Amino acid sequence: MAYVALPPSDSVPLPSDPPPPTTASDDVIASVTSTTKAPERQWAYISDTVVRLTTREEVLKAKAYICMYERV
């Protein structure tokens, strides 16, 4: 079994979606939002027979024997 942090929904664009046009105000909004706290990520529980969303609390209570980190 494994617990996996899912990528934020806005970080993976769908292939069919063209990128939106940007303006100078978009740059200002991006700089402001990059300094604000990111929303909490969703977690998934994955085993040989089950894949389901789970809570951060369940992940923290699990007895991990190996941890992998991602540099953001």
Protein backbone atom coordinates (compact mmCIF):
# COMPACT_ATOMS: atom_id res chain seq x y z
CA MET A 1 0.00 0.00 0.00
CA ALA A 2 1.04 3.60 -0.51
CA TYR A 3 -0.12 7.12 0.21
CA VAL A 4 0.46 9.64 -2.56
CA ALA A 5 0.13 13.43 -2.57
CA LEU A 6 -1.80 14.37 -5.70
CA PRO A 7 -0.63 17.29 -7.81
CA PRO A 8 -2.66 20.49 -7.47
CA SER A 9 -5.48 20.48 -10.01
CA ASP A 10 -4.29 23.72 -11.60
CA SER A 11 -0.69 22.51 -12.08
CA VAL A 12 -1.46 19.95 -14.80
CA PRO A 13 -3.19 21.52 -17.81
CA LEU A 14 -5.36 19.28 -19.93
CA PRO A 15 -3.88 18.63 -23.39
CA SER A 16 -7.00 19.96 -25.11
CA ASP A 17 -6.98 23.26 -23.23
CA PRO A 18 -5.01 26.04 -24.95
CA PRO A 19 -3.10 28.33 -22.59
CA PRO A 20 -5.09 31.45 -21.71
CA PRO A 21 -3.85 34.79 -22.99
CA THR A 22 -1.89 36.77 -20.41
CA THR A 23 -1.92 40.45 -19.62
CA ALA A 24 0.14 42.71 -17.38
CA SER A 25 -2.49 42.34 -14.64
CA ASP A 26 -2.04 38.54 -14.81
CA ASP A 27 1.64 39.02 -13.95
CA VAL A 28 0.70 41.09 -10.90
CA ILE A 29 -1.87 38.51 -9.77
CA ALA A 30 0.67 35.71 -10.24
CA SER A 31 3.26 37.50 -8.13
CA VAL A 32 0.74 38.12 -5.34
CA THR A 33 -0.66 34.58 -5.33
CA SER A 34 2.81 33.03 -5.36
CA THR A 35 3.50 34.56 -1.95
CA THR A 36 0.21 33.40 -0.42
CA LYS A 37 -0.23 30.02 1.25
CA ALA A 38 -0.90 27.19 -1.20
CA PRO A 39 -4.09 25.18 -0.75
CA GLU A 40 -3.71 21.84 1.00
CA ARG A 41 -3.02 18.96 -1.37
CA GLN A 42 -5.31 15.98 -1.71
CA TRP A 43 -3.99 12.54 -0.80
CA ALA A 44 -4.75 9.11 -2.25
CA TYR A 45 -4.49 5.66 -0.69
CA ILE A 46 -3.33 3.07 -3.20
CA SER A 47 -3.12 -0.71 -2.73
CA ASP A 48 -3.30 -3.75 -5.01
CA THR A 49 -7.11 -3.66 -4.99
CA VAL A 50 -8.15 -0.16 -3.84
CA VAL A 51 -7.54 3.42 -4.94
CA ARG A 52 -9.35 6.09 -2.93
CA LEU A 53 -8.99 9.65 -1.72
CA THR A 54 -7.95 9.96 1.91
CA THR A 55 -7.20 12.63 4.47
CA ARG A 56 -3.90 14.13 5.53
CA GLU A 57 -4.65 12.95 9.07
CA GLU A 58 -4.86 9.31 7.92
CA VAL A 59 -1.53 9.70 6.12
CA LEU A 60 0.13 11.16 9.21
CA LYS A 61 -1.16 8.27 11.36
CA ALA A 62 0.22 5.61 8.99
CA LYS A 63 3.38 3.79 10.04
CA ALA A 64 5.69 4.71 7.19
CA TYR A 65 8.81 2.67 6.61
CA ILE A 66 10.00 4.64 3.59
CA CYS A 67 9.37 8.26 2.65
CA MET A 68 10.03 9.94 -0.69
CA TYR A 69 10.24 13.68 -1.03
CA GLU A 70 9.69 15.93 -4.02
CA ARG A 71 11.57 19.21 -4.35
CA VAL A 72 9.06 21.93 -5.23
